Amino acid sequence: MLTFYYATDTCALASHIALKDAGADYRLKRIDFAAAQQRSPDYLALNPKGRVPALVTPAGILTETPAILAYIAQSWPQAGLAPTDPFRFAKVQEFNSYLCSTLHVAHAHRMRGTRWADDPAAIEAMKRKVPQSVSACYDYVETQIAGPWVMGADYTIADAYLFTVAQWLEGDGVDPARYPKVIDHRTRMAARPNVKAAIEEEFATQA
């Protein structure tokens, strides 16, 4: 059995949805950010980065959303969560890597500016920049949705990831009217039973 460490309202939701889609056998461990459990000795021993998600597998521990998503897709190939063609799989990884390394980082400047600066004025300047920097990311993402899913006709792990980060769009000051494909994708994802179940499970599970 897998053990999945997560916090509510974080990027961990993407991997949680993928676990549901794969039909994986897993148990949840909730990390309470308000209580700083991500900095506890027990959790740091598991994940020295002090962040979520983390997935404990029979082979070892995985962190970072793109890596966890790829592991799930390849461990349950019968679920069809990623292309088998090497180039198309790499395109899924390319998209997910952009969400992780660019869009998510731009979003984090809204509430985690202390990662990059100590000066309060600099932190406030980062916050003011977020609507512009995150919108620039969605300018790109909008062009990459082949429709109806990110990769076209086939639902993949990229869809779970895009849905997760798109939850934060309005909070980042982005005008949703500019991104009809992203919003349509988010709406259709929200209606999927596995997405609803993962969200319900996250808020019902205690650490």
Protein backbone atom coordinates (compact mmCIF):
# COMPACT_ATOMS: atom_id res chain seq x y z
CA MET A 1 0.00 0.00 0.00
CA LEU A 2 1.09 3.55 -0.75
CA THR A 3 1.07 6.35 1.82
CA PHE A 4 0.34 9.82 0.50
CA TYR A 5 1.22 12.92 2.49
CA TYR A 6 -0.69 16.05 1.53
CA ALA A 7 -2.06 19.36 2.77
CA THR A 8 -5.40 20.82 1.77
CA ASP A 9 -5.54 23.52 -0.90
CA THR A 10 -2.10 22.62 -2.28
CA CYS A 11 -0.66 21.09 -5.43
CA ALA A 12 -0.87 17.69 -3.71
CA LEU A 13 -4.44 17.47 -5.02
CA ALA A 14 -3.12 16.65 -8.51
CA SER A 15 -1.43 13.45 -7.33
CA HIS A 16 -4.40 12.57 -5.17
CA ILE A 17 -6.71 12.77 -8.19
CA ALA A 18 -4.27 10.60 -10.16
CA LEU A 19 -4.26 7.99 -7.39
CA LYS A 20 -8.04 7.90 -7.62
CA ASP A 21 -7.94 7.67 -11.42
CA ALA A 22 -5.43 4.83 -11.25
CA GLY A 23 -7.45 2.83 -8.75
CA ALA A 24 -4.41 2.68 -6.49
CA ASP A 25 -4.48 1.27 -2.97
CA TYR A 26 -3.33 4.10 -0.70
CA ARG A 27 -3.81 5.73 2.66
CA LEU A 28 -3.74 9.45 3.34
CA LYS A 29 -1.69 11.39 5.88
CA ARG A 30 -2.73 15.00 6.27
CA ILE A 31 -0.03 17.58 7.05
CA ASP A 32 -1.40 20.61 8.88
CA PHE A 33 0.42 23.69 7.62
CA ALA A 34 -1.27 25.88 10.25
CA ALA A 35 0.42 23.77 12.91
CA ALA A 36 3.71 23.75 10.94
CA GLN A 37 3.67 19.97 10.75
CA GLN A 38 5.69 20.20 7.52
CA ARG A 39 8.61 21.37 9.68
CA SER A 40 8.22 18.65 12.31
CA PRO A 41 11.18 16.29 12.80
CA ASP A 42 9.09 13.28 11.81
CA TYR A 43 8.01 14.79 8.50
CA LEU A 44 11.44 16.26 7.72
CA ALA A 45 12.89 12.79 8.19
CA LEU A 46 10.51 11.65 5.46
CA ASN A 47 10.82 14.71 3.22
CA PRO A 48 13.70 17.07 4.09
CA LYS A 49 12.19 19.69 1.74
CA GLY A 50 9.43 20.28 4.27
CA ARG A 51 6.76 20.47 1.58
CA VAL A 52 3.98 18.37 0.13
CA PRO A 53 3.25 16.10 -1.57
CA ALA A 54 5.25 13.04 -0.59
CA LEU A 55 4.44 9.51 -1.65
CA VAL A 56 5.82 6.50 0.20
CA THR A 57 6.08 3.57 -2.21
CA PRO A 58 7.46 0.03 -1.79
CA ALA A 59 10.59 1.20 -3.63
CA GLY A 60 11.12 4.39 -1.61
CA ILE A 61 9.85 7.93 -1.16
CA LEU A 62 8.93 10.27 -3.99
CA THR A 63 8.45 14.04 -3.87
CA GLU A 64 7.66 16.68 -6.51
CA THR A 65 4.34 16.54 -8.33
CA PRO A 66 5.62 15.75 -11.86
CA ALA A 67 7.62 12.80 -10.54
CA ILE A 68 4.73 11.43 -8.48
CA LEU A 69 2.31 11.81 -11.39
CA ALA A 70 4.68 9.97 -13.74
CA TYR A 71 5.13 7.17 -11.18
CA ILE A 72 1.37 6.73 -10.83
CA ALA A 73 0.80 6.71 -14.59
CA GLN A 74 3.56 4.18 -15.22
CA SER A 75 2.68 1.96 -12.26
CA TRP A 76 -0.95 1.60 -13.40
CA PRO A 77 -0.66 1.59 -17.20
CA GLN A 78 -4.09 0.00 -17.51
CA ALA A 79 -5.60 3.31 -16.33
CA GLY A 80 -4.28 5.05 -19.46
CA LEU A 81 -3.15 8.18 -17.60
CA ALA A 82 -0.17 8.88 -19.86
CA PRO A 83 0.78 8.15 -23.46
CA THR A 84 2.95 5.11 -24.12
CA ASP A 85 4.66 6.84 -27.05
CA PRO A 86 7.94 8.30 -25.71
CA PHE A 87 7.56 11.66 -27.43
CA ARG A 88 3.98 12.19 -26.30
CA PHE A 89 4.89 11.14 -22.77
CA ALA A 90 7.70 13.69 -22.87
CA LYS A 91 5.16 16.33 -23.97
CA VAL A 92 3.06 15.52 -20.89
CA GLN A 93 6.18 15.91 -18.76
CA GLU A 94 7.03 19.16 -20.52
CA PHE A 95 3.60 20.59 -19.69
CA ASN A 96 3.69 19.39 -16.09
CA SER A 97 7.21 20.71 -15.61
CA TYR A 98 6.06 24.14 -16.77
CA LEU A 99 3.21 24.13 -14.25
CA CYS A 100 5.65 23.12 -11.51
CA SER A 101 8.67 25.27 -12.27
CA THR A 102 7.09 28.40 -13.74
CA LEU A 103 3.37 28.83 -13.05
CA HIS A 104 3.45 27.53 -9.48
CA VAL A 105 6.52 29.60 -8.65
CA ALA A 106 4.84 32.74 -10.01
CA HIS A 107 1.78 31.95 -7.88
CA ALA A 108 3.93 31.42 -4.78
CA HIS A 109 5.16 35.02 -4.91
CA ARG A 110 1.71 36.07 -3.64
CA MET A 111 2.05 34.48 -0.21
CA ARG A 112 5.58 33.09 0.02
CA GLY A 113 7.72 36.09 -0.88
CA THR A 114 9.93 35.46 2.14
CA ARG A 115 11.47 32.61 0.17
CA TRP A 116 13.15 35.18 -2.05
CA ALA A 117 13.47 38.38 -0.02
CA ASP A 118 13.54 39.76 3.52
CA ASP A 119 12.77 43.38 2.69
CA PRO A 120 9.03 44.04 3.29
CA ALA A 121 8.92 46.46 0.36
CA ALA A 122 10.38 43.83 -1.95
CA ILE A 123 7.87 41.26 -0.73
CA GLU A 124 5.01 43.66 -1.40
CA ALA A 125 6.40 44.37 -4.86
CA MET A 126 6.38 40.63 -5.58
CA LYS A 127 2.74 40.40 -4.52
CA ARG A 128 1.78 43.27 -6.82
CA LYS A 129 3.49 41.53 -9.73
CA VAL A 130 1.57 38.25 -9.33
CA PRO A 131 -1.49 39.12 -11.47
CA GLN A 132 0.82 40.02 -14.34
CA SER A 133 3.29 37.15 -13.96
CA VAL A 134 0.64 34.47 -13.46
CA SER A 135 -1.44 35.82 -16.33
CA ALA A 136 1.62 35.53 -18.55
CA CYS A 137 1.81 31.85 -17.60
CA TYR A 138 -1.82 31.30 -18.50
CA ASP A 139 -1.29 33.08 -21.82
CA TYR A 140 0.98 30.15 -22.64
CA VAL A 141 -1.14 27.42 -21.01
CA GLU A 142 -4.23 28.52 -22.95
CA THR A 143 -2.40 27.82 -26.22
CA GLN A 144 -1.32 24.36 -25.08
CA ILE A 145 -4.75 22.85 -24.37
CA ALA A 146 -5.36 20.75 -27.44
CA GLY A 147 -8.94 20.02 -26.33
CA PRO A 148 -11.01 18.64 -24.84
CA TRP A 149 -8.11 17.66 -22.57
CA VAL A 150 -4.60 19.04 -22.38
CA MET A 151 -3.24 16.41 -24.76
CA GLY A 152 -6.30 16.41 -26.99
CA ALA A 153 -8.74 13.51 -26.95
CA ASP A 154 -6.90 11.59 -24.21
CA TYR A 155 -7.27 12.40 -20.52
CA THR A 156 -3.87 12.29 -18.77
CA ILE A 157 -2.07 13.22 -15.57
CA ALA A 158 -1.60 16.69 -17.06
CA ASP A 159 -5.32 17.30 -16.62
CA ALA A 160 -5.24 16.61 -12.89
CA TYR A 161 -2.31 19.00 -12.51
CA LEU A 162 -3.81 21.82 -14.56
CA PHE A 163 -7.10 21.55 -12.68
CA THR A 164 -5.27 21.83 -9.37
CA VAL A 165 -3.30 24.98 -10.16
CA ALA A 166 -6.27 26.56 -11.95
CA GLN A 167 -8.10 26.59 -8.60
CA TRP A 168 -5.87 29.51 -7.61
CA LEU A 169 -6.39 31.61 -10.73
CA GLU A 170 -8.86 34.18 -9.37
CA GLY A 171 -7.01 34.46 -6.07
CA ASP A 172 -3.92 35.44 -8.04
CA GLY A 173 -5.81 38.34 -9.59
CA VAL A 174 -6.09 36.73 -13.02
CA ASP A 175 -9.10 37.57 -15.19
CA PRO A 176 -10.73 34.21 -15.98
CA ALA A 177 -12.51 35.67 -19.02
CA ARG A 178 -9.14 35.80 -20.79
CA TYR A 179 -8.75 32.01 -20.62
CA PRO A 180 -11.87 30.22 -21.86
CA LYS A 181 -10.08 26.92 -22.50
CA VAL A 182 -8.61 26.86 -19.00
CA ILE A 183 -11.96 27.68 -17.38
CA ASP A 184 -13.87 25.17 -19.51
CA HIS A 185 -11.28 22.53 -18.58
CA ARG A 186 -11.57 23.42 -14.89
CA THR A 187 -15.37 23.17 -15.01
CA ARG A 188 -15.35 19.76 -16.69
CA MET A 189 -12.69 18.45 -14.31
CA ALA A 190 -14.68 19.61 -11.28
CA ALA A 191 -17.59 17.44 -12.45
CA ARG A 192 -15.54 14.24 -12.60
CA PRO A 193 -16.42 11.77 -9.80
CA ASN A 194 -12.78 11.05 -8.94
CA VAL A 195 -12.03 14.76 -8.60
CA LYS A 196 -15.01 15.26 -6.29
CA ALA A 197 -14.03 12.20 -4.26
CA ALA A 198 -10.41 13.32 -3.86
CA ILE A 199 -11.44 16.78 -2.65
CA GLU A 200 -13.95 15.34 -0.19
CA GLU A 201 -11.39 12.84 1.07
CA GLU A 202 -8.75 15.51 1.66
CA PHE A 203 -10.96 17.54 3.95
CA ALA A 204 -12.33 14.47 5.74
CA THR A 205 -8.95 12.90 6.51
CA GLN A 206 -7.03 13.80 9.66
CA ALA A 207 -3.29 13.50 10.16
